[in-house]
């Protein structure tokens, strides 16, 4: 596959025990992009689902776009290829379509054989477990990703959770330009300046958590009252188009030019999340939904790292 599909399937928070069957069901529903990461702790089970789909003739490898991500603990150039190879082995693949720097955060190295996924803490068994930063410049990590492309292990490389300043910096030194910027984006966090900058540089954008708080309620990082799906402008558009509120919010996302990676384990909702191409929102509907922006970020290391991992670690100002 030469181009990332507009609508992909996110594997964050899909439990390992369910993952194989969820992947098969998603392929049957029509998904061709799967967004994975070492940190999700389920790549081996994703690989089991992919193998079963290949064996059943549901899809061929070349028909899929598989994304994975380099975790924070493996930023040093000495560890990048091993981390990539581990993801490829778990996924049962001999190449990745896209490999992303997961966060612009370098953490102390944890060997794969010691603990995997490494997660955020350098030693969770310590008396006072904390995050520990590592002194690894992002340009060194990027150069190591470029070598993965040179070796044919990955087709394209990109970044997640970058801000505008980091994008400018990356574009000043990248030998291989980033093929993707993946960021949190939804009606409560429209990220218009960052998306405009990426477009100016010719970098496509993927929006994660496109349904906003829905991904974070179960983590106690958001409440039911934070749901964008109950906003009046969303409900009105849903009624006008005969679509669900979720379909309206997802349509808003792809209509503004971003790819999206919603997640659902429910087969009906899987198909609903794909059914976005038979209608379009009007300019006024798009503007009304965009006006919901409150710069409300749900996935913010500056909020969750200190309480959960013992280190104040903001990356967004």
C-alpha atoms as a PDB file:
ATOM      1  CA  UNK A   1       0.000   0.000   0.000  1.00  0.00           C
ATOM      2  CA  UNK A   2       1.492   3.329  -1.063  1.00  0.00           C
ATOM      3  CA  UNK A   3      -0.671   5.734   0.946  1.00  0.00           C
ATOM      4  CA  UNK A   4      -2.010   5.651   4.456  1.00  0.00           C
ATOM      5  CA  UNK A   5      -5.802   5.208   4.511  1.00  0.00           C
ATOM      6  CA  UNK A   6      -7.824   8.128   5.836  1.00  0.00           C
ATOM      7  CA  UNK A   7      -9.449   5.903   8.455  1.00  0.00           C
ATOM      8  CA  UNK A   8      -7.321   3.466  10.402  1.00  0.00           C
ATOM      9  CA  UNK A   9      -7.798   1.274  13.449  1.00  0.00           C
ATOM     10  CA  UNK A  10      -6.108   2.230  16.721  1.00  0.00           C
ATOM     11  CA  UNK A  11      -4.839  -0.584  18.942  1.00  0.00           C
ATOM     12  CA  UNK A  12      -4.242   1.470  22.102  1.00  0.00           C
ATOM     13  CA  UNK A  13      -6.035  -0.082  25.094  1.00  0.00           C
ATOM     14  CA  UNK A  14      -7.172  -3.184  23.190  1.00  0.00           C
ATOM     15  CA  UNK A  15      -6.561  -5.956  25.707  1.00  0.00           C
ATOM     16  CA  UNK A  16      -4.102  -8.678  24.647  1.00  0.00           C
ATOM     17  CA  UNK A  17      -6.686 -11.403  25.186  1.00  0.00           C
ATOM     18  CA  UNK A  18      -9.109  -9.721  22.779  1.00  0.00           C
ATOM     19  CA  UNK A  19      -6.612  -8.347  20.285  1.00  0.00           C
ATOM     20  CA  UNK A  20      -6.330 -11.271  17.857  1.00  0.00           C
ATOM     21  CA  UNK A  21     -10.084 -11.464  17.292  1.00  0.00           C
ATOM     22  CA  UNK A  22     -10.482  -7.661  17.204  1.00  0.00           C
ATOM     23  CA  UNK A  23      -7.887  -7.407  14.423  1.00  0.00           C
ATOM     24  CA  UNK A  24      -9.594 -10.128  12.384  1.00  0.00           C
ATOM     25  CA  UNK A  25     -12.990  -8.465  12.859  1.00  0.00           C
ATOM     26  CA  UNK A  26     -11.564  -5.079  11.895  1.00  0.00           C
ATOM     27  CA  UNK A  27     -10.094  -6.508   8.698  1.00  0.00           C
ATOM     28  CA  UNK A  28     -13.459  -8.080   7.872  1.00  0.00           C
ATOM     29  CA  UNK A  29     -15.076  -4.677   8.467  1.00  0.00           C
ATOM     30  CA  UNK A  30     -12.727  -3.109   5.936  1.00  0.00           C
ATOM     31  CA  UNK A  31      -9.870  -1.570   7.934  1.00  0.00           C
ATOM     32  CA  UNK A  32      -6.520  -1.602   6.163  1.00  0.00           C
ATOM     33  CA  UNK A  33      -4.433   0.580   8.477  1.00  0.00           C
ATOM     34  CA  UNK A  34      -3.520  -0.658  11.947  1.00  0.00           C
ATOM     35  CA  UNK A  35      -1.862   1.762  14.346  1.00  0.00           C
ATOM     36  CA  UNK A  36       0.326  -0.177  16.770  1.00  0.00           C
ATOM     37  CA  UNK A  37       3.024   0.605  19.328  1.00  0.00           C
ATOM     38  CA  UNK A  38       5.438  -1.300  21.505  1.00  0.00           C
ATOM     39  CA  UNK A  39       4.021   0.467  24.543  1.00  0.00           C
ATOM     40  CA  UNK A  40       0.516  -0.873  23.913  1.00  0.00           C
ATOM     41  CA  UNK A  41       1.687  -4.299  25.071  1.00  0.00           C
ATOM     42  CA  UNK A  42      -0.327  -6.186  22.460  1.00  0.00           C
ATOM     43  CA  UNK A  43       1.781  -6.297  19.285  1.00  0.00           C
ATOM     44  CA  UNK A  44       2.300 -10.048  19.528  1.00  0.00           C
ATOM     45  CA  UNK A  45      -1.471 -10.554  19.642  1.00  0.00           C
ATOM     46  CA  UNK A  46      -1.924  -8.085  16.770  1.00  0.00           C
ATOM     47  CA  UNK A  47       0.543 -10.246  14.867  1.00  0.00           C
ATOM     48  CA  UNK A  48      -1.513 -13.329  15.676  1.00  0.00           C
ATOM     49  CA  UNK A  49      -4.567 -11.619  14.218  1.00  0.00           C
ATOM     50  CA  UNK A  50      -2.706 -10.523  11.099  1.00  0.00           C
ATOM     51  CA  UNK A  51      -1.349 -14.039  10.532  1.00  0.00           C
ATOM     52  CA  UNK A  52      -4.810 -15.549  10.921  1.00  0.00           C
ATOM     53  CA  UNK A  53      -6.199 -13.018   8.426  1.00  0.00           C
ATOM     54  CA  UNK A  54      -3.411 -13.816   5.951  1.00  0.00           C
ATOM     55  CA  UNK A  55      -3.906 -17.565   6.413  1.00  0.00           C
ATOM     56  CA  UNK A  56      -7.662 -17.217   5.871  1.00  0.00           C
ATOM     57  CA  UNK A  57      -7.114 -15.206   2.701  1.00  0.00           C
ATOM     58  CA  UNK A  58      -8.965 -12.212   4.088  1.00  0.00           C
ATOM     59  CA  UNK A  59      -6.234  -9.826   3.027  1.00  0.00           C
ATOM     60  CA  UNK A  60      -2.652  -9.790   1.737  1.00  0.00           C
ATOM     61  CA  UNK A  61       0.252  -8.057   3.476  1.00  0.00           C
ATOM     62  CA  UNK A  62       0.668  -5.583   0.630  1.00  0.00           C
ATOM     63  CA  UNK A  63      -2.950  -4.475   1.103  1.00  0.00           C
ATOM     64  CA  UNK A  64      -2.279  -3.309   4.662  1.00  0.00           C
ATOM     65  CA  UNK A  65      -0.591  -0.293   6.192  1.00  0.00           C
ATOM     66  CA  UNK A  66       1.020  -1.138   9.530  1.00  0.00           C
ATOM     67  CA  UNK A  67       2.308   1.608  11.802  1.00  0.00           C
ATOM     68  CA  UNK A  68       4.360   1.066  14.951  1.00  0.00           C
ATOM     69  CA  UNK A  69       6.215   3.380  17.319  1.00  0.00           C
ATOM     70  CA  UNK A  70       9.591   3.651  18.998  1.00  0.00           C
ATOM     71  CA  UNK A  71       9.203   3.818  22.761  1.00  0.00           C
ATOM     72  CA  UNK A  72      10.942   6.396  24.933  1.00  0.00           C
ATOM     73  CA  UNK A  73      13.367   3.896  26.463  1.00  0.00           C
ATOM     74  CA  UNK A  74      14.970   3.082  23.099  1.00  0.00           C
ATOM     75  CA  UNK A  75      15.854   6.564  21.804  1.00  0.00           C
ATOM     76  CA  UNK A  76      19.598   6.007  21.852  1.00  0.00           C
ATOM     77  CA  UNK A  77      20.856   5.086  18.359  1.00  0.00           C
ATOM     78  CA  UNK A  78      22.322   1.866  19.778  1.00  0.00           C
ATOM     79  CA  UNK A  79      18.820   0.627  20.662  1.00  0.00           C
ATOM     80  CA  UNK A  80      16.576   1.881  17.850  1.00  0.00           C
ATOM     81  CA  UNK A  81      17.032  -1.017  15.431  1.00  0.00           C
ATOM     82  CA  UNK A  82      16.584  -3.656  18.134  1.00  0.00           C
ATOM     83  CA  UNK A  83      13.347  -1.983  19.235  1.00  0.00           C
ATOM     84  CA  UNK A  84      12.099  -1.896  15.661  1.00  0.00           C
ATOM     85  CA  UNK A  85      13.051  -5.534  15.109  1.00  0.00           C
ATOM     86  CA  UNK A  86      11.187  -6.520  18.274  1.00  0.00           C
ATOM     87  CA  UNK A  87       8.004  -4.856  17.009  1.00  0.00           C
ATOM     88  CA  UNK A  88       8.414  -6.496  13.611  1.00  0.00           C
ATOM     89  CA  UNK A  89       8.953  -9.914  15.202  1.00  0.00           C
ATOM     90  CA  UNK A  90       5.920  -9.544  17.452  1.00  0.00           C
ATOM     91  CA  UNK A  91       3.798  -8.378  14.515  1.00  0.00           C
ATOM     92  CA  UNK A  92       5.113 -11.204  12.323  1.00  0.00           C
ATOM     93  CA  UNK A  93       6.207  -8.786   9.597  1.00  0.00           C
ATOM     94  CA  UNK A  94       9.389  -8.281   7.610  1.00  0.00           C
ATOM     95  CA  UNK A  95       8.822  -4.533   7.193  1.00  0.00           C
ATOM     96  CA  UNK A  96       6.749  -1.722   8.651  1.00  0.00           C
ATOM     97  CA  UNK A  97       4.960   0.826   6.517  1.00  0.00           C
ATOM     98  CA  UNK A  98       5.522   3.578   9.075  1.00  0.00           C
ATOM     99  CA  UNK A  99       7.637   3.854  12.227  1.00  0.00           C
ATOM    100  CA  UNK A 100       7.143   6.827  14.527  1.00  0.00           C
ATOM    101  CA  UNK A 101       8.944   8.368  17.481  1.00  0.00           C
ATOM    102  CA  UNK A 102       6.202   7.873  20.072  1.00  0.00           C
ATOM    103  CA  UNK A 103       7.049  10.863  22.299  1.00  0.00           C
ATOM    104  CA  UNK A 104       9.796  13.503  22.179  1.00  0.00           C
ATOM    105  CA  UNK A 105      10.885  12.084  25.531  1.00  0.00           C
ATOM    106  CA  UNK A 106      14.087  10.083  25.990  1.00  0.00           C
ATOM    107  CA  UNK A 107      14.035   7.805  29.034  1.00  0.00           C
ATOM    108  CA  UNK A 108      16.689   5.609  30.613  1.00  0.00           C
ATOM    109  CA  UNK A 109      17.298   2.420  28.657  1.00  0.00           C
ATOM    110  CA  UNK A 110      15.588  -0.750  29.833  1.00  0.00           C
ATOM    111  CA  UNK A 111      16.829  -3.858  27.983  1.00  0.00           C
ATOM    112  CA  UNK A 112      14.125  -5.742  26.116  1.00  0.00           C
ATOM    113  CA  UNK A 113      15.070  -8.944  27.916  1.00  0.00           C
ATOM    114  CA  UNK A 114      14.730  -7.198  31.301  1.00  0.00           C
ATOM    115  CA  UNK A 115      11.222  -5.820  30.870  1.00  0.00           C
ATOM    116  CA  UNK A 116       9.023  -5.349  27.820  1.00  0.00           C
ATOM    117  CA  UNK A 117       7.168  -3.154  27.234  1.00  0.00           C
ATOM    118  CA  UNK A 118       9.472  -0.897  29.229  1.00  0.00           C
ATOM    119  CA  UNK A 119       6.701   1.610  30.015  1.00  0.00           C
ATOM    120  CA  UNK A 120       7.586   4.791  31.930  1.00  0.00           C
ATOM    121  CA  UNK A 121       9.478   3.684  35.053  1.00  0.00           C
ATOM    122  CA  UNK A 122      13.122   2.694  34.967  1.00  0.00           C
ATOM    123  CA  UNK A 123      12.597   0.195  37.813  1.00  0.00           C
ATOM    124  CA  UNK A 124       9.028  -0.387  39.024  1.00  0.00           C
ATOM    125  CA  UNK A 125      10.345  -2.618  41.834  1.00  0.00           C
ATOM    126  CA  UNK A 126      12.444   0.171  43.369  1.00  0.00           C
ATOM    127  CA  UNK A 127      11.520   1.565  46.777  1.00  0.00           C
ATOM    128  CA  UNK A 128      10.551   4.865  45.152  1.00  0.00           C
ATOM    129  CA  UNK A 129      10.007   4.095  41.445  1.00  0.00           C
ATOM    130  CA  UNK A 130      10.391   7.109  39.177  1.00  0.00           C
ATOM    131  CA  UNK A 131      10.889   8.087  35.557  1.00  0.00           C
ATOM    132  CA  UNK A 132      14.490   8.746  34.638  1.00  0.00           C
ATOM    133  CA  UNK A 133      15.357  10.935  31.683  1.00  0.00           C
ATOM    134  CA  UNK A 134      18.177  10.056  29.290  1.00  0.00           C
ATOM    135  CA  UNK A 135      20.422  12.566  27.532  1.00  0.00           C
ATOM    136  CA  UNK A 136      19.681  11.619  23.941  1.00  0.00           C
ATOM    137  CA  UNK A 137      19.144  14.423  21.407  1.00  0.00           C
ATOM    138  CA  UNK A 138      16.182  13.936  19.115  1.00  0.00           C
ATOM    139  CA  UNK A 139      18.357  14.447  16.042  1.00  0.00           C
ATOM    140  CA  UNK A 140      20.343  11.327  16.966  1.00  0.00           C
ATOM    141  CA  UNK A 141      17.179   9.285  17.327  1.00  0.00           C
ATOM    142  CA  UNK A 142      15.913  10.562  13.964  1.00  0.00           C
ATOM    143  CA  UNK A 143      19.196   9.655  12.249  1.00  0.00           C
ATOM    144  CA  UNK A 144      18.817   6.122  13.614  1.00  0.00           C
ATOM    145  CA  UNK A 145      15.290   5.940  12.167  1.00  0.00           C
ATOM    146  CA  UNK A 146      16.653   7.055   8.806  1.00  0.00           C
ATOM    147  CA  UNK A 147      19.003   4.068   8.878  1.00  0.00           C
ATOM    148  CA  UNK A 148      15.968   1.798   9.271  1.00  0.00           C
ATOM    149  CA  UNK A 149      14.670   3.161   5.987  1.00  0.00           C
ATOM    150  CA  UNK A 150      18.082   2.687   4.379  1.00  0.00           C
ATOM    151  CA  UNK A 151      18.049  -0.967   5.469  1.00  0.00           C
ATOM    152  CA  UNK A 152      14.516  -1.581   4.186  1.00  0.00           C
ATOM    153  CA  UNK A 153      13.098  -2.388   7.617  1.00  0.00           C
ATOM    154  CA  UNK A 154      10.586   0.442   7.415  1.00  0.00           C
ATOM    155  CA  UNK A 155       9.124   2.220   4.411  1.00  0.00           C
ATOM    156  CA  UNK A 156       8.501   5.595   6.033  1.00  0.00           C
ATOM    157  CA  UNK A 157       9.269   7.353   9.323  1.00  0.00           C
ATOM    158  CA  UNK A 158       7.591  10.089  11.302  1.00  0.00           C
ATOM    159  CA  UNK A 159       6.885  11.562  14.718  1.00  0.00           C
ATOM    160  CA  UNK A 160       4.160  11.725  17.347  1.00  0.00           C
ATOM    161  CA  UNK A 161       3.345  14.369  19.909  1.00  0.00           C
ATOM    162  CA  UNK A 162       5.655  17.012  18.434  1.00  0.00           C
ATOM    163  CA  UNK A 163       4.966  20.718  18.800  1.00  0.00           C
ATOM    164  CA  UNK A 164       5.647  23.376  16.183  1.00  0.00           C
ATOM    165  CA  UNK A 165       9.146  24.193  17.445  1.00  0.00           C
ATOM    166  CA  UNK A 166      10.189  20.556  17.230  1.00  0.00           C
ATOM    167  CA  UNK A 167       8.745  20.265  13.721  1.00  0.00           C
ATOM    168  CA  UNK A 168      10.777  23.294  12.582  1.00  0.00           C
ATOM    169  CA  UNK A 169      13.874  21.791  14.185  1.00  0.00           C
ATOM    170  CA  UNK A 170      13.304  18.352  12.636  1.00  0.00           C
ATOM    171  CA  UNK A 171      12.870  19.797   9.169  1.00  0.00           C
ATOM    172  CA  UNK A 172      16.200  21.629   9.507  1.00  0.00           C
ATOM    173  CA  UNK A 173      18.241  18.446   9.840  1.00  0.00           C
ATOM    174  CA  UNK A 174      16.186  15.525   8.503  1.00  0.00           C
ATOM    175  CA  UNK A 175      17.886  13.748   5.609  1.00  0.00           C
ATOM    176  CA  UNK A 176      14.671  11.767   5.151  1.00  0.00           C
ATOM    177  CA  UNK A 177      11.727  14.081   5.755  1.00  0.00           C
ATOM    178  CA  UNK A 178       8.977  12.916   8.138  1.00  0.00           C
ATOM    179  CA  UNK A 179       6.131  11.161   6.357  1.00  0.00           C
ATOM    180  CA  UNK A 180       3.676  11.654   9.225  1.00  0.00           C
ATOM    181  CA  UNK A 181       2.929  13.805  12.247  1.00  0.00           C
ATOM    182  CA  UNK A 182       0.596  12.009  14.645  1.00  0.00           C
ATOM    183  CA  UNK A 183      -1.021  14.237  17.281  1.00  0.00           C
ATOM    184  CA  UNK A 184      -3.999  14.376  19.587  1.00  0.00           C
ATOM    185  CA  UNK A 185      -6.665  16.318  17.720  1.00  0.00           C
ATOM    186  CA  UNK A 186     -10.437  16.570  18.116  1.00  0.00           C
ATOM    187  CA  UNK A 187     -13.051  19.352  18.380  1.00  0.00           C
ATOM    188  CA  UNK A 188     -11.852  20.270  21.892  1.00  0.00           C
ATOM    189  CA  UNK A 189      -8.220  20.432  20.673  1.00  0.00           C
ATOM    190  CA  UNK A 190      -8.230  21.515  17.041  1.00  0.00           C
ATOM    191  CA  UNK A 191      -4.458  22.188  16.780  1.00  0.00           C
ATOM    192  CA  UNK A 192      -5.049  24.454  13.783  1.00  0.00           C
ATOM    193  CA  UNK A 193      -1.656  26.177  13.804  1.00  0.00           C
ATOM    194  CA  UNK A 194       0.270  22.916  14.119  1.00  0.00           C
ATOM    195  CA  UNK A 195      -1.744  21.240  11.350  1.00  0.00           C
ATOM    196  CA  UNK A 196      -1.281  24.292   9.129  1.00  0.00           C
ATOM    197  CA  UNK A 197       2.481  24.188   9.732  1.00  0.00           C
ATOM    198  CA  UNK A 198       2.647  20.476   8.930  1.00  0.00           C
ATOM    199  CA  UNK A 199       0.721  21.110   5.722  1.00  0.00           C
ATOM    200  CA  UNK A 200       3.145  23.891   4.827  1.00  0.00           C
ATOM    201  CA  UNK A 201       6.018  21.432   5.192  1.00  0.00           C
ATOM    202  CA  UNK A 202       4.148  18.735   3.261  1.00  0.00           C
ATOM    203  CA  UNK A 203       3.775  16.469   6.295  1.00  0.00           C
ATOM    204  CA  UNK A 204       0.491  14.525   6.513  1.00  0.00           C
ATOM    205  CA  UNK A 205      -1.244  14.509   9.906  1.00  0.00           C
ATOM    206  CA  UNK A 206      -2.951  11.671  11.746  1.00  0.00           C
ATOM    207  CA  UNK A 207      -5.272  12.567  14.616  1.00  0.00           C
ATOM    208  CA  UNK A 208      -5.309  10.189  17.541  1.00  0.00           C
ATOM    209  CA  UNK A 209      -8.143  10.238  20.073  1.00  0.00           C
ATOM    210  CA  UNK A 210     -10.394  11.786  17.392  1.00  0.00           C
ATOM    211  CA  UNK A 211     -13.437  11.283  19.621  1.00  0.00           C
ATOM    212  CA  UNK A 212     -11.785  13.254  22.442  1.00  0.00           C
ATOM    213  CA  UNK A 213     -12.616  12.144  25.985  1.00  0.00           C
ATOM    214  CA  UNK A 214     -14.024   8.775  24.944  1.00  0.00           C
ATOM    215  CA  UNK A 215     -10.566   7.161  25.133  1.00  0.00           C
ATOM    216  CA  UNK A 216      -9.770   8.578  28.561  1.00  0.00           C
ATOM    217  CA  UNK A 217     -12.853   8.102  30.749  1.00  0.00           C
ATOM    218  CA  UNK A 218     -11.846   4.560  31.719  1.00  0.00           C
ATOM    219  CA  UNK A 219      -8.381   5.845  32.695  1.00  0.00           C
ATOM    220  CA  UNK A 220      -9.863   8.518  34.989  1.00  0.00           C
ATOM    221  CA  UNK A 221      -8.240  11.137  32.772  1.00  0.00           C
ATOM    222  CA  UNK A 222     -11.636  12.517  31.700  1.00  0.00           C
ATOM    223  CA  UNK A 223     -15.237  12.434  32.848  1.00  0.00           C
ATOM    224  CA  UNK A 224     -18.479  11.664  31.084  1.00  0.00           C
ATOM    225  CA  UNK A 225     -19.216  15.404  31.056  1.00  0.00           C
ATOM    226  CA  UNK A 226     -16.192  15.897  28.776  1.00  0.00           C
ATOM    227  CA  UNK A 227     -17.858  14.086  25.880  1.00  0.00           C
ATOM    228  CA  UNK A 228     -17.918  16.002  22.621  1.00  0.00           C
ATOM    229  CA  UNK A 229     -20.626  13.644  21.365  1.00  0.00           C
ATOM    230  CA  UNK A 230     -23.280  15.391  23.460  1.00  0.00           C
ATOM    231  CA  UNK A 231     -22.513  18.881  22.161  1.00  0.00           C
ATOM    232  CA  UNK A 232     -25.565  20.507  20.563  1.00  0.00           C
ATOM    233  CA  UNK A 233     -23.814  21.300  17.266  1.00  0.00           C
ATOM    234  CA  UNK A 234     -22.755  17.666  16.937  1.00  0.00           C
ATOM    235  CA  UNK A 235     -26.227  16.351  17.765  1.00  0.00           C
ATOM    236  CA  UNK A 236     -27.826  18.759  15.300  1.00  0.00           C
ATOM    237  CA  UNK A 237     -25.504  17.699  12.512  1.00  0.00           C
ATOM    238  CA  UNK A 238     -26.134  14.033  13.322  1.00  0.00           C
ATOM    239  CA  UNK A 239     -29.873  14.557  13.030  1.00  0.00           C
ATOM    240  CA  UNK A 240     -29.492  16.511   9.804  1.00  0.00           C
ATOM    241  CA  UNK A 241     -27.381  13.842   8.107  1.00  0.00           C
ATOM    242  CA  UNK A 242     -28.942  10.739   9.645  1.00  0.00           C
ATOM    243  CA  UNK A 243     -25.606   9.769  11.221  1.00  0.00           C
ATOM    244  CA  UNK A 244     -24.390   9.074  14.734  1.00  0.00           C
ATOM    245  CA  UNK A 245     -22.646  11.820  16.710  1.00  0.00           C
ATOM    246  CA  UNK A 246     -19.416   9.812  16.502  1.00  0.00           C
ATOM    247  CA  UNK A 247     -19.677   9.704  12.710  1.00  0.00           C
ATOM    248  CA  UNK A 248     -20.129  13.483  12.635  1.00  0.00           C
ATOM    249  CA  UNK A 249     -16.999  14.084  14.728  1.00  0.00           C
ATOM    250  CA  UNK A 250     -14.966  11.617  12.669  1.00  0.00           C
ATOM    251  CA  UNK A 251     -16.208  13.144   9.416  1.00  0.00           C
ATOM    252  CA  UNK A 252     -15.178  16.588  10.701  1.00  0.00           C
ATOM    253  CA  UNK A 253     -11.672  15.205  11.270  1.00  0.00           C
ATOM    254  CA  UNK A 254     -11.142  13.701   7.823  1.00  0.00           C
ATOM    255  CA  UNK A 255     -12.870  16.607   6.087  1.00  0.00           C
ATOM    256  CA  UNK A 256     -10.307  18.980   7.590  1.00  0.00           C
ATOM    257  CA  UNK A 257      -7.569  16.847   6.065  1.00  0.00           C
ATOM    258  CA  UNK A 258      -6.333  14.579   8.848  1.00  0.00           C
ATOM    259  CA  UNK A 259      -6.232  10.811   8.874  1.00  0.00           C
ATOM    260  CA  UNK A 260      -7.836   9.244  11.952  1.00  0.00           C
ATOM    261  CA  UNK A 261      -7.372   6.094  14.021  1.00  0.00           C
ATOM    262  CA  UNK A 262     -10.549   5.460  16.022  1.00  0.00           C
ATOM    263  CA  UNK A 263     -10.859   2.279  18.048  1.00  0.00           C
ATOM    264  CA  UNK A 264     -13.811   0.065  18.877  1.00  0.00           C
ATOM    265  CA  UNK A 265     -14.140  -3.594  19.751  1.00  0.00           C
ATOM    266  CA  UNK A 266     -17.805  -3.530  18.749  1.00  0.00           C
ATOM    267  CA  UNK A 267     -18.241  -4.812  15.152  1.00  0.00           C
ATOM    268  CA  UNK A 268     -21.189  -2.498  14.471  1.00  0.00           C
ATOM    269  CA  UNK A 269     -19.288   0.571  15.635  1.00  0.00           C
ATOM    270  CA  UNK A 270     -16.230  -0.557  13.678  1.00  0.00           C
ATOM    271  CA  UNK A 271     -18.321  -0.383  10.529  1.00  0.00           C
ATOM    272  CA  UNK A 272     -19.970   2.886  11.531  1.00  0.00           C
ATOM    273  CA  UNK A 273     -16.562   4.481  12.024  1.00  0.00           C
ATOM    274  CA  UNK A 274     -15.682   3.544   8.444  1.00  0.00           C
ATOM    275  CA  UNK A 275     -18.956   4.818   6.968  1.00  0.00           C
ATOM    276  CA  UNK A 276     -17.897   8.423   6.548  1.00  0.00           C
ATOM    277  CA  UNK A 277     -17.635   8.898   2.802  1.00  0.00           C
ATOM    278  CA  UNK A 278     -21.318   9.082   1.798  1.00  0.00           C
ATOM    279  CA  UNK A 279     -21.945  12.512   3.298  1.00  0.00           C
ATOM    280  CA  UNK A 280     -20.180  15.827   3.860  1.00  0.00           C
ATOM    281  CA  UNK A 281     -20.537  18.514   6.479  1.00  0.00           C
ATOM    282  CA  UNK A 282     -21.357  22.038   5.366  1.00  0.00           C
ATOM    283  CA  UNK A 283     -18.939  24.904   5.903  1.00  0.00           C
ATOM    284  CA  UNK A 284     -21.091  26.196   8.729  1.00  0.00           C
ATOM    285  CA  UNK A 285     -21.249  22.775  10.393  1.00  0.00           C
ATOM    286  CA  UNK A 286     -17.466  22.454  10.126  1.00  0.00           C
ATOM    287  CA  UNK A 287     -17.013  25.928  11.609  1.00  0.00           C
ATOM    288  CA  UNK A 288     -19.467  25.299  14.450  1.00  0.00           C
ATOM    289  CA  UNK A 289     -17.706  22.080  15.434  1.00  0.00           C
ATOM    290  CA  UNK A 290     -14.284  23.739  15.203  1.00  0.00           C
ATOM    291  CA  UNK A 291     -15.579  26.501  17.470  1.00  0.00           C
ATOM    292  CA  UNK A 292     -15.799  23.923  20.272  1.00  0.00           C
ATOM    293  CA  UNK A 293     -12.029  24.187  20.598  1.00  0.00           C
ATOM    294  CA  UNK A 294     -10.973  24.748  24.204  1.00  0.00           C
ATOM    295  CA  UNK A 295      -7.330  23.640  23.854  1.00  0.00           C
ATOM    296  CA  UNK A 296      -8.380  20.682  26.013  1.00  0.00           C
ATOM    297  CA  UNK A 297      -5.648  18.056  25.894  1.00  0.00           C
ATOM    298  CA  UNK A 298      -6.378  14.661  27.438  1.00  0.00           C
ATOM    299  CA  UNK A 299      -3.032  12.946  26.776  1.00  0.00           C
ATOM    300  CA  UNK A 300      -0.556  15.277  28.472  1.00  0.00           C
ATOM    301  CA  UNK A 301       2.660  14.032  30.125  1.00  0.00           C
ATOM    302  CA  UNK A 302       2.762  17.338  31.977  1.00  0.00           C
ATOM    303  CA  UNK A 303      -0.393  16.220  33.765  1.00  0.00           C
ATOM    304  CA  UNK A 304       0.008  12.466  34.261  1.00  0.00           C
ATOM    305  CA  UNK A 305       3.752  11.850  34.654  1.00  0.00           C
ATOM    306  CA  UNK A 306       4.232  13.552  38.010  1.00  0.00           C
ATOM    307  CA  UNK A 307       1.412  11.768  39.803  1.00  0.00           C
ATOM    308  CA  UNK A 308       1.886   8.383  38.161  1.00  0.00           C
ATOM    309  CA  UNK A 309       5.643   8.231  37.615  1.00  0.00           C
ATOM    310  CA  UNK A 310       7.202  10.651  40.064  1.00  0.00           C
ATOM    311  CA  UNK A 311       8.585  13.241  37.653  1.00  0.00           C
ATOM    312  CA  UNK A 312       7.081  16.491  36.401  1.00  0.00           C
ATOM    313  CA  UNK A 313       7.632  16.176  32.662  1.00  0.00           C
ATOM    314  CA  UNK A 314       5.708  18.633  30.471  1.00  0.00           C
ATOM    315  CA  UNK A 315       6.248  18.650  26.707  1.00  0.00           C
ATOM    316  CA  UNK A 316       3.471  21.129  25.867  1.00  0.00           C
ATOM    317  CA  UNK A 317       3.516  24.699  27.181  1.00  0.00           C
END
